[in-house]
Amino acid sequence: MTTVLDNMMHDLRLAGLAEDTQRRYQCSIRRFERFHGRSPEQMGRDEVRTWVQELESSGIGPSRLMQHFAALKFLYRKTLGRPCEVAFLSTPKRPKRLPTVLAAEQVEALLEALEVPKFRVLFTTIYATGMRISEGCALETGDIDAARGVINIRHGKGDKERLVQLSPRLLTILRTYWLQQRPPAPYLFTGRAGRRLNQDVARNAMRWAAARVGLDWRKITPRVLRNSFATHLLDSGTDLRVIQVLLGHESIETTARYLRVSTTLLTKTKSPIERLHKTG
């Protein structure tokens, strides 16, 4: 018998949402079901409100809360066709924190601390290209276009494709890795039984490496390497619009947040006090 979750997963695929997003929405609705012990078809606004209150009291952050809200909205708006049940949900306000960025020396130490080749090369690729962890784990050998010097990201956010640069040094690293490890086709980074590498497994490997080199492992995530990629490019004078394309951002405003953490740009900007003749 087809369940509500089965229908929702079908709708998520039709909507073209990324596999990771589909998985997170599914997990969220399963928790919602377990909390009440009933199918969402049998529940309405009151049950949704009770679940929201439970989530808010659990202490999870705004980002996680937004994921749960998005899952509920998709379920009731799209799959069940009852948008009034979630009409009261508002987007939680997220604090605007500066992106966490590592110095080049810290990036190098972190990558060297990754002893397993597939993890070291995966995160080297992420830092070298700015791709997301989901995009890195989904890479296939056929996505590497050595002739053109690019990598084809076929499973980007929102299932959008884009090209990122393939530097000669990264190409050498990838070739050496492939020759030595021979990962089973089609994926470049694999886990058990030749399936593509699990993102959470890769994240855990990064946390262990961060702890080994004295970094705060709670703050070191694959996104930090992506942040560092963008900021280091900005520091070296790369145009913000080029970085936008490389990161796959739809809006230049999203990319512009890295201006806030580029120390090179900050230190090169002269304070107006320097124009005063007498100070102090």
C-alpha atoms as a PDB file:
ATOM      1  CA  MET A   1       0.000   0.000   0.000  1.00  0.00           C
ATOM      2  CA  THR A   2       1.294   3.450  -0.928  1.00  0.00           C
ATOM      3  CA  THR A   3       1.921   5.627   2.125  1.00  0.00           C
ATOM      4  CA  VAL A   4       1.952   9.386   2.543  1.00  0.00           C
ATOM      5  CA  LEU A   5       5.756   9.259   2.737  1.00  0.00           C
ATOM      6  CA  ASP A   6       5.908   7.330  -0.540  1.00  0.00           C
ATOM      7  CA  ASN A   7       3.778   9.984  -2.220  1.00  0.00           C
ATOM      8  CA  MET A   8       5.878  12.739  -0.687  1.00  0.00           C
ATOM      9  CA  MET A   9       9.115  11.191  -1.960  1.00  0.00           C
ATOM     10  CA  HIS A  10       7.596  10.973  -5.437  1.00  0.00           C
ATOM     11  CA  ASP A  11       6.593  14.648  -5.225  1.00  0.00           C
ATOM     12  CA  LEU A  12      10.070  15.626  -4.013  1.00  0.00           C
ATOM     13  CA  ARG A  13      11.663  13.899  -7.000  1.00  0.00           C
ATOM     14  CA  LEU A  14       9.227  15.594  -9.366  1.00  0.00           C
ATOM     15  CA  ALA A  15      10.111  18.940  -7.790  1.00  0.00           C
ATOM     16  CA  GLY A  16      13.769  18.267  -8.636  1.00  0.00           C
ATOM     17  CA  LEU A  17      15.042  18.741  -5.096  1.00  0.00           C
ATOM     18  CA  ALA A  18      18.527  17.461  -4.292  1.00  0.00           C
ATOM     19  CA  GLU A  19      18.800  13.926  -2.914  1.00  0.00           C
ATOM     20  CA  ASP A  20      20.177  15.213   0.381  1.00  0.00           C
ATOM     21  CA  THR A  21      17.200  17.575   0.735  1.00  0.00           C
ATOM     22  CA  GLN A  22      14.801  14.731  -0.045  1.00  0.00           C
ATOM     23  CA  ARG A  23      16.416  12.591   2.633  1.00  0.00           C
ATOM     24  CA  ARG A  24      16.263  15.361   5.247  1.00  0.00           C
ATOM     25  CA  TYR A  25      12.586  16.107   4.519  1.00  0.00           C
ATOM     26  CA  GLN A  26      11.745  12.418   4.776  1.00  0.00           C
ATOM     27  CA  CYS A  27      13.556  12.066   8.121  1.00  0.00           C
ATOM     28  CA  SER A  28      11.783  15.160   9.438  1.00  0.00           C
ATOM     29  CA  ILE A  29       8.306  13.870   8.576  1.00  0.00           C
ATOM     30  CA  ARG A  30       9.102  10.464  10.056  1.00  0.00           C
ATOM     31  CA  ARG A  31       9.960  12.185  13.336  1.00  0.00           C
ATOM     32  CA  PHE A  32       6.683  14.098  13.100  1.00  0.00           C
ATOM     33  CA  GLU A  33       4.806  10.814  12.643  1.00  0.00           C
ATOM     34  CA  ARG A  34       6.593   9.108  15.541  1.00  0.00           C
ATOM     35  CA  PHE A  35       5.964  12.046  17.862  1.00  0.00           C
ATOM     36  CA  HIS A  36       2.185  11.822  17.400  1.00  0.00           C
ATOM     37  CA  GLY A  37       1.932   8.110  16.575  1.00  0.00           C
ATOM     38  CA  ARG A  38      -0.326   8.826  13.587  1.00  0.00           C
ATOM     39  CA  SER A  39      -0.148   9.407   9.858  1.00  0.00           C
ATOM     40  CA  PRO A  40       0.009  13.069   8.710  1.00  0.00           C
ATOM     41  CA  GLU A  41      -3.241  12.449   6.815  1.00  0.00           C
ATOM     42  CA  GLN A  42      -4.963  12.126  10.183  1.00  0.00           C
ATOM     43  CA  MET A  43      -3.405  15.275  11.619  1.00  0.00           C
ATOM     44  CA  GLY A  44      -3.965  18.966  11.114  1.00  0.00           C
ATOM     45  CA  ARG A  45      -2.989  22.397  12.344  1.00  0.00           C
ATOM     46  CA  ASP A  46      -3.191  21.554  16.060  1.00  0.00           C
ATOM     47  CA  GLU A  47      -0.821  18.604  15.727  1.00  0.00           C
ATOM     48  CA  VAL A  48       1.557  20.611  13.553  1.00  0.00           C
ATOM     49  CA  ARG A  49       1.572  23.423  16.111  1.00  0.00           C
ATOM     50  CA  THR A  50       2.301  20.986  18.958  1.00  0.00           C
ATOM     51  CA  TRP A  51       5.210  19.517  16.972  1.00  0.00           C
ATOM     52  CA  VAL A  52       6.582  22.986  16.237  1.00  0.00           C
ATOM     53  CA  GLN A  53       6.487  23.836  19.938  1.00  0.00           C
ATOM     54  CA  GLU A  54       8.373  20.600  20.673  1.00  0.00           C
ATOM     55  CA  LEU A  55      11.044  21.501  18.105  1.00  0.00           C
ATOM     56  CA  GLU A  56      11.430  25.029  19.460  1.00  0.00           C
ATOM     57  CA  SER A  57      11.811  23.783  23.032  1.00  0.00           C
ATOM     58  CA  SER A  58      14.440  21.219  21.971  1.00  0.00           C
ATOM     59  CA  GLY A  59      17.024  23.969  21.473  1.00  0.00           C
ATOM     60  CA  ILE A  60      17.877  23.258  17.825  1.00  0.00           C
ATOM     61  CA  GLY A  61      19.244  26.164  15.791  1.00  0.00           C
ATOM     62  CA  PRO A  62      17.355  28.314  13.266  1.00  0.00           C
ATOM     63  CA  SER A  63      18.785  26.425  10.275  1.00  0.00           C
ATOM     64  CA  ARG A  64      17.565  23.037  11.503  1.00  0.00           C
ATOM     65  CA  LEU A  65      14.232  24.559  12.454  1.00  0.00           C
ATOM     66  CA  MET A  66      13.873  25.937   8.933  1.00  0.00           C
ATOM     67  CA  GLN A  67      14.471  22.444   7.502  1.00  0.00           C
ATOM     68  CA  HIS A  68      11.665  20.995   9.626  1.00  0.00           C
ATOM     69  CA  PHE A  69       9.329  23.837   8.649  1.00  0.00           C
ATOM     70  CA  ALA A  70      10.154  23.388   4.965  1.00  0.00           C
ATOM     71  CA  ALA A  71       9.411  19.663   5.196  1.00  0.00           C
ATOM     72  CA  LEU A  72       6.037  20.319   6.839  1.00  0.00           C
ATOM     73  CA  LYS A  73       5.148  22.958   4.257  1.00  0.00           C
ATOM     74  CA  PHE A  74       6.033  20.673   1.373  1.00  0.00           C
ATOM     75  CA  LEU A  75       4.037  17.790   2.856  1.00  0.00           C
ATOM     76  CA  TYR A  76       0.847  19.721   3.496  1.00  0.00           C
ATOM     77  CA  ARG A  77       1.005  22.101   0.540  1.00  0.00           C
ATOM     78  CA  LYS A  78       2.183  19.749  -2.199  1.00  0.00           C
ATOM     79  CA  THR A  79       1.504  16.145  -1.200  1.00  0.00           C
ATOM     80  CA  LEU A  80      -1.651  16.466   0.891  1.00  0.00           C
ATOM     81  CA  GLY A  81      -3.018  19.613  -0.766  1.00  0.00           C
ATOM     82  CA  ARG A  82      -3.959  21.220   2.562  1.00  0.00           C
ATOM     83  CA  PRO A  83      -1.916  24.436   2.736  1.00  0.00           C
ATOM     84  CA  CYS A  84      -4.117  25.960   5.439  1.00  0.00           C
ATOM     85  CA  GLU A  85      -2.662  23.495   7.985  1.00  0.00           C
ATOM     86  CA  VAL A  86       0.790  25.143   7.781  1.00  0.00           C
ATOM     87  CA  ALA A  87      -0.224  28.711   6.921  1.00  0.00           C
ATOM     88  CA  PHE A  88       0.855  29.918  10.368  1.00  0.00           C
ATOM     89  CA  LEU A  89       4.493  28.824   9.922  1.00  0.00           C
ATOM     90  CA  SER A  90       6.988  31.670   9.551  1.00  0.00           C
ATOM     91  CA  THR A  91      10.645  31.539   8.621  1.00  0.00           C
ATOM     92  CA  PRO A  92      12.816  31.683  11.770  1.00  0.00           C
ATOM     93  CA  LYS A  93      15.199  34.611  11.837  1.00  0.00           C
ATOM     94  CA  ARG A  94      18.801  33.476  11.576  1.00  0.00           C
ATOM     95  CA  PRO A  95      21.614  35.496  13.170  1.00  0.00           C
ATOM     96  CA  LYS A  96      24.008  36.887  10.564  1.00  0.00           C
ATOM     97  CA  ARG A  97      27.307  35.384  11.639  1.00  0.00           C
ATOM     98  CA  LEU A  98      30.579  35.754   9.795  1.00  0.00           C
ATOM     99  CA  PRO A  99      31.598  32.688   7.767  1.00  0.00           C
ATOM    100  CA  THR A 100      34.275  30.559   9.426  1.00  0.00           C
ATOM    101  CA  VAL A 101      37.476  30.751   7.355  1.00  0.00           C
ATOM    102  CA  LEU A 102      40.825  29.011   7.784  1.00  0.00           C
ATOM    103  CA  ALA A 103      44.232  30.431   6.943  1.00  0.00           C
ATOM    104  CA  ALA A 104      46.081  28.696   4.105  1.00  0.00           C
ATOM    105  CA  GLU A 105      48.463  27.083   6.617  1.00  0.00           C
ATOM    106  CA  GLN A 106      45.524  25.669   8.587  1.00  0.00           C
ATOM    107  CA  VAL A 107      43.959  24.259   5.422  1.00  0.00           C
ATOM    108  CA  GLU A 108      47.232  22.546   4.554  1.00  0.00           C
ATOM    109  CA  ALA A 109      47.575  21.060   8.049  1.00  0.00           C
ATOM    110  CA  LEU A 110      43.963  19.851   8.004  1.00  0.00           C
ATOM    111  CA  LEU A 111      44.348  18.116   4.640  1.00  0.00           C
ATOM    112  CA  GLU A 112      47.609  16.478   5.679  1.00  0.00           C
ATOM    113  CA  ALA A 113      45.929  15.109   8.823  1.00  0.00           C
ATOM    114  CA  LEU A 114      43.466  13.138   6.688  1.00  0.00           C
ATOM    115  CA  GLU A 115      45.257   9.792   6.451  1.00  0.00           C
ATOM    116  CA  VAL A 116      42.724   7.907   4.313  1.00  0.00           C
ATOM    117  CA  PRO A 117      43.366   8.852   0.638  1.00  0.00           C
ATOM    118  CA  LYS A 118      39.730   9.191  -0.422  1.00  0.00           C
ATOM    119  CA  PHE A 119      38.995  11.664   2.372  1.00  0.00           C
ATOM    120  CA  ARG A 120      42.182  13.663   1.787  1.00  0.00           C
ATOM    121  CA  VAL A 121      41.574  13.912  -1.973  1.00  0.00           C
ATOM    122  CA  LEU A 122      37.854  14.645  -1.550  1.00  0.00           C
ATOM    123  CA  PHE A 123      38.483  17.592   0.759  1.00  0.00           C
ATOM    124  CA  THR A 124      41.419  18.754  -1.331  1.00  0.00           C
ATOM    125  CA  THR A 125      39.021  18.854  -4.288  1.00  0.00           C
ATOM    126  CA  ILE A 126      36.458  20.803  -2.271  1.00  0.00           C
ATOM    127  CA  TYR A 127      39.046  23.406  -1.257  1.00  0.00           C
ATOM    128  CA  ALA A 128      40.470  23.591  -4.789  1.00  0.00           C
ATOM    129  CA  THR A 129      37.088  24.122  -6.448  1.00  0.00           C
ATOM    130  CA  GLY A 130      34.685  25.458  -3.821  1.00  0.00           C
ATOM    131  CA  MET A 131      32.174  22.681  -4.438  1.00  0.00           C
ATOM    132  CA  ARG A 132      29.759  21.505  -1.764  1.00  0.00           C
ATOM    133  CA  ILE A 133      30.225  18.218   0.112  1.00  0.00           C
ATOM    134  CA  SER A 134      27.127  16.804  -1.631  1.00  0.00           C
ATOM    135  CA  GLU A 135      28.622  17.719  -5.002  1.00  0.00           C
ATOM    136  CA  GLY A 136      31.992  16.202  -4.136  1.00  0.00           C
ATOM    137  CA  CYS A 137      30.503  12.892  -2.998  1.00  0.00           C
ATOM    138  CA  ALA A 138      28.431  12.704  -6.192  1.00  0.00           C
ATOM    139  CA  LEU A 139      31.441  13.216  -8.515  1.00  0.00           C
ATOM    140  CA  GLU A 140      31.932  10.597 -11.194  1.00  0.00           C
ATOM    141  CA  THR A 141      35.130   9.958 -13.130  1.00  0.00           C
ATOM    142  CA  GLY A 142      33.364  11.124 -16.294  1.00  0.00           C
ATOM    143  CA  ASP A 143      32.820  14.558 -14.721  1.00  0.00           C
ATOM    144  CA  ILE A 144      36.563  15.292 -14.911  1.00  0.00           C
ATOM    145  CA  ASP A 145      37.229  17.057 -18.217  1.00  0.00           C
ATOM    146  CA  ALA A 146      41.024  17.233 -18.369  1.00  0.00           C
ATOM    147  CA  ALA A 147      41.050  18.478 -21.972  1.00  0.00           C
ATOM    148  CA  ARG A 148      39.075  21.612 -21.106  1.00  0.00           C
ATOM    149  CA  GLY A 149      40.463  21.999 -17.586  1.00  0.00           C
ATOM    150  CA  VAL A 150      37.074  21.886 -15.854  1.00  0.00           C
ATOM    151  CA  ILE A 151      34.969  19.649 -13.615  1.00  0.00           C
ATOM    152  CA  ASN A 152      31.301  19.271 -14.465  1.00  0.00           C
ATOM    153  CA  ILE A 153      29.101  19.562 -11.373  1.00  0.00           C
ATOM    154  CA  ARG A 154      26.009  17.706 -12.538  1.00  0.00           C
ATOM    155  CA  HIS A 155      24.225  17.474  -9.193  1.00  0.00           C
ATOM    156  CA  GLY A 156      24.470  20.981  -7.771  1.00  0.00           C
ATOM    157  CA  LYS A 157      22.037  22.631  -5.397  1.00  0.00           C
ATOM    158  CA  GLY A 158      18.564  22.438  -6.891  1.00  0.00           C
ATOM    159  CA  ASP A 159      19.953  19.837  -9.324  1.00  0.00           C
ATOM    160  CA  LYS A 160      21.579  22.601 -11.374  1.00  0.00           C
ATOM    161  CA  GLU A 161      24.708  21.978 -13.416  1.00  0.00           C
ATOM    162  CA  ARG A 162      27.778  24.201 -13.479  1.00  0.00           C
ATOM    163  CA  LEU A 163      31.465  24.053 -14.332  1.00  0.00           C
ATOM    164  CA  VAL A 164      34.328  24.649 -11.893  1.00  0.00           C
ATOM    165  CA  GLN A 165      38.020  24.999 -12.590  1.00  0.00           C
ATOM    166  CA  LEU A 166      40.339  21.996 -12.702  1.00  0.00           C
ATOM    167  CA  SER A 167      43.834  23.256 -11.923  1.00  0.00           C
ATOM    168  CA  PRO A 168      46.853  21.294 -13.206  1.00  0.00           C
ATOM    169  CA  ARG A 169      47.845  20.492  -9.635  1.00  0.00           C
ATOM    170  CA  LEU A 170      44.404  19.157  -8.759  1.00  0.00           C
ATOM    171  CA  LEU A 171      44.356  17.106 -11.975  1.00  0.00           C
ATOM    172  CA  THR A 172      47.647  15.476 -10.965  1.00  0.00           C
ATOM    173  CA  ILE A 173      46.283  14.716  -7.483  1.00  0.00           C
ATOM    174  CA  LEU A 174      43.107  13.172  -8.900  1.00  0.00           C
ATOM    175  CA  ARG A 175      44.992  11.074 -11.456  1.00  0.00           C
ATOM    176  CA  THR A 176      47.400   9.748  -8.831  1.00  0.00           C
ATOM    177  CA  TYR A 177      44.511   8.937  -6.507  1.00  0.00           C
ATOM    178  CA  TRP A 178      42.587   7.106  -9.238  1.00  0.00           C
ATOM    179  CA  LEU A 179      45.601   5.074 -10.336  1.00  0.00           C
ATOM    180  CA  GLN A 180      46.423   4.035  -6.786  1.00  0.00           C
ATOM    181  CA  GLN A 181      42.915   3.453  -5.410  1.00  0.00           C
ATOM    182  CA  ARG A 182      40.938   2.417  -8.516  1.00  0.00           C
ATOM    183  CA  PRO A 183      37.515   3.309  -7.055  1.00  0.00           C
ATOM    184  CA  PRO A 184      34.695   1.215  -8.598  1.00  0.00           C
ATOM    185  CA  ALA A 185      32.841   3.036 -11.379  1.00  0.00           C
ATOM    186  CA  PRO A 186      31.165   5.379 -11.738  1.00  0.00           C
ATOM    187  CA  TYR A 187      31.909   7.356  -8.577  1.00  0.00           C
ATOM    188  CA  LEU A 188      35.246   8.950  -7.797  1.00  0.00           C
ATOM    189  CA  PHE A 189      34.823   8.631  -4.027  1.00  0.00           C
ATOM    190  CA  THR A 190      33.109   5.482  -2.826  1.00  0.00           C
ATOM    191  CA  GLY A 191      32.059   3.767   0.350  1.00  0.00           C
ATOM    192  CA  ARG A 192      30.909   0.240   0.912  1.00  0.00           C
ATOM    193  CA  ALA A 193      29.872  -1.947  -2.031  1.00  0.00           C
ATOM    194  CA  GLY A 194      31.012   0.709  -4.487  1.00  0.00           C
ATOM    195  CA  ARG A 195      28.265   3.164  -3.568  1.00  0.00           C
ATOM    196  CA  ARG A 196      29.069   6.835  -3.505  1.00  0.00           C
ATOM    197  CA  LEU A 197      30.688   8.084  -0.333  1.00  0.00           C
ATOM    198  CA  ASN A 198      28.311   8.944   2.498  1.00  0.00           C
ATOM    199  CA  GLN A 199      28.503  12.636   3.407  1.00  0.00           C
ATOM    200  CA  ASP A 200      28.226  12.039   7.141  1.00  0.00           C
ATOM    201  CA  VAL A 201      31.120   9.560   7.039  1.00  0.00           C
ATOM    202  CA  ALA A 202      33.236  12.191   5.278  1.00  0.00           C
ATOM    203  CA  ARG A 203      32.217  14.862   7.805  1.00  0.00           C
ATOM    204  CA  ASN A 204      33.282  12.630  10.685  1.00  0.00           C
ATOM    205  CA  ALA A 205      36.675  12.078   9.055  1.00  0.00           C
ATOM    206  CA  MET A 206      37.108  15.840   8.835  1.00  0.00           C
ATOM    207  CA  ARG A 207      36.237  16.306  12.506  1.00  0.00           C
ATOM    208  CA  TRP A 208      38.869  13.745  13.534  1.00  0.00           C
ATOM    209  CA  ALA A 209      41.486  15.464  11.376  1.00  0.00           C
ATOM    210  CA  ALA A 210      40.569  18.884  12.794  1.00  0.00           C
ATOM    211  CA  ALA A 211      40.977  17.612  16.344  1.00  0.00           C
ATOM    212  CA  ARG A 212      44.375  16.117  15.475  1.00  0.00           C
ATOM    213  CA  VAL A 213      45.763  19.490  14.356  1.00  0.00           C
ATOM    214  CA  GLY A 214      44.295  21.457  17.267  1.00  0.00           C
ATOM    215  CA  LEU A 215      41.341  23.054  15.484  1.00  0.00           C
ATOM    216  CA  ASP A 216      37.900  23.285  17.084  1.00  0.00           C
ATOM    217  CA  TRP A 217      36.346  20.171  15.505  1.00  0.00           C
ATOM    218  CA  ARG A 218      32.848  21.388  16.376  1.00  0.00           C
ATOM    219  CA  LYS A 219      33.270  24.336  13.997  1.00  0.00           C
ATOM    220  CA  ILE A 220      35.205  22.613  11.201  1.00  0.00           C
ATOM    221  CA  THR A 221      32.845  21.365   8.499  1.00  0.00           C
ATOM    222  CA  PRO A 222      33.176  20.921   4.723  1.00  0.00           C
ATOM    223  CA  ARG A 223      31.511  24.328   4.357  1.00  0.00           C
ATOM    224  CA  VAL A 224      34.546  25.891   6.059  1.00  0.00           C
ATOM    225  CA  LEU A 225      36.729  24.731   3.150  1.00  0.00           C
ATOM    226  CA  ARG A 226      34.212  26.232   0.718  1.00  0.00           C
ATOM    227  CA  ASN A 227      34.271  29.477   2.712  1.00  0.00           C
ATOM    228  CA  SER A 228      38.081  29.433   2.703  1.00  0.00           C
ATOM    229  CA  PHE A 229      38.165  28.842  -1.064  1.00  0.00           C
ATOM    230  CA  ALA A 230      35.975  31.887  -1.710  1.00  0.00           C
ATOM    231  CA  THR A 231      37.771  34.139   0.761  1.00  0.00           C
ATOM    232  CA  HIS A 232      41.252  33.186  -0.440  1.00  0.00           C
ATOM    233  CA  LEU A 233      40.215  33.882  -4.034  1.00  0.00           C
ATOM    234  CA  LEU A 234      38.859  37.248  -2.959  1.00  0.00           C
ATOM    235  CA  ASP A 235      42.091  38.008  -1.113  1.00  0.00           C
ATOM    236  CA  SER A 236      44.059  37.262  -4.283  1.00  0.00           C
ATOM    237  CA  GLY A 237      42.001  39.743  -6.302  1.00  0.00           C
ATOM    238  CA  THR A 238      39.501  37.457  -8.051  1.00  0.00           C
ATOM    239  CA  ASP A 239      36.373  39.298  -9.185  1.00  0.00           C
ATOM    240  CA  LEU A 240      33.357  38.692  -6.952  1.00  0.00           C
ATOM    241  CA  ARG A 241      31.202  37.771  -9.961  1.00  0.00           C
ATOM    242  CA  VAL A 242      33.644  35.019 -10.946  1.00  0.00           C
ATOM    243  CA  ILE A 243      33.484  33.612  -7.408  1.00  0.00           C
ATOM    244  CA  GLN A 244      29.684  33.736  -7.612  1.00  0.00           C
ATOM    245  CA  VAL A 245      29.729  31.529 -10.710  1.00  0.00           C
ATOM    246  CA  LEU A 246      32.252  29.100  -9.238  1.00  0.00           C
ATOM    247  CA  LEU A 247      30.218  28.678  -6.041  1.00  0.00           C
ATOM    248  CA  GLY A 248      26.933  28.327  -7.910  1.00  0.00           C
ATOM    249  CA  HIS A 249      25.230  31.218  -6.110  1.00  0.00           C
ATOM    250  CA  GLU A 250      22.109  32.612  -7.756  1.00  0.00           C
ATOM    251  CA  SER A 251      22.493  35.994  -6.080  1.00  0.00           C
ATOM    252  CA  ILE A 252      25.632  38.134  -5.866  1.00  0.00           C
ATOM    253  CA  GLU A 253      24.440  39.151  -2.384  1.00  0.00           C
ATOM    254  CA  THR A 254      25.093  35.614  -1.130  1.00  0.00           C
ATOM    255  CA  THR A 255      28.667  35.775  -2.411  1.00  0.00           C
ATOM    256  CA  ALA A 256      29.187  39.298  -1.076  1.00  0.00           C
ATOM    257  CA  ARG A 257      29.170  38.019   2.510  1.00  0.00           C
ATOM    258  CA  TYR A 258      32.786  36.936   1.974  1.00  0.00           C
ATOM    259  CA  LEU A 259      33.722  40.609   1.693  1.00  0.00           C
ATOM    260  CA  ARG A 260      33.103  40.758   5.446  1.00  0.00           C
ATOM    261  CA  VAL A 261      35.874  38.247   6.213  1.00  0.00           C
ATOM    262  CA  SER A 262      38.503  39.156   3.618  1.00  0.00           C
ATOM    263  CA  THR A 263      41.288  40.518   5.823  1.00  0.00           C
ATOM    264  CA  THR A 264      43.352  41.525   2.779  1.00  0.00           C
ATOM    265  CA  LEU A 265      40.616  43.861   1.555  1.00  0.00           C
ATOM    266  CA  LEU A 266      40.149  45.251   5.056  1.00  0.00           C
ATOM    267  CA  THR A 267      43.842  45.971   5.653  1.00  0.00           C
ATOM    268  CA  LYS A 268      44.311  47.521   2.204  1.00  0.00           C
ATOM    269  CA  THR A 269      41.525  50.001   2.891  1.00  0.00           C
ATOM    270  CA  LYS A 270      42.891  53.180   4.445  1.00  0.00           C
ATOM    271  CA  SER A 271      41.083  54.707   7.366  1.00  0.00           C
ATOM    272  CA  PRO A 272      40.107  58.396   6.929  1.00  0.00           C
ATOM    273  CA  ILE A 273      42.187  59.176  10.032  1.00  0.00           C
ATOM    274  CA  GLU A 274      45.290  58.700   7.866  1.00  0.00           C
ATOM    275  CA  ARG A 275      44.415  61.926   6.033  1.00  0.00           C
ATOM    276  CA  LEU A 276      44.458  64.016   9.187  1.00  0.00           C
ATOM    277  CA  HIS A 277      47.585  66.072   9.880  1.00  0.00           C
ATOM    278  CA  LYS A 278      47.376  65.981  13.655  1.00  0.00           C
ATOM    279  CA  THR A 279      46.107  63.019  15.623  1.00  0.00           C
ATOM    280  CA  GLY A 280      46.467  61.720  19.169  1.00  0.00           C
END
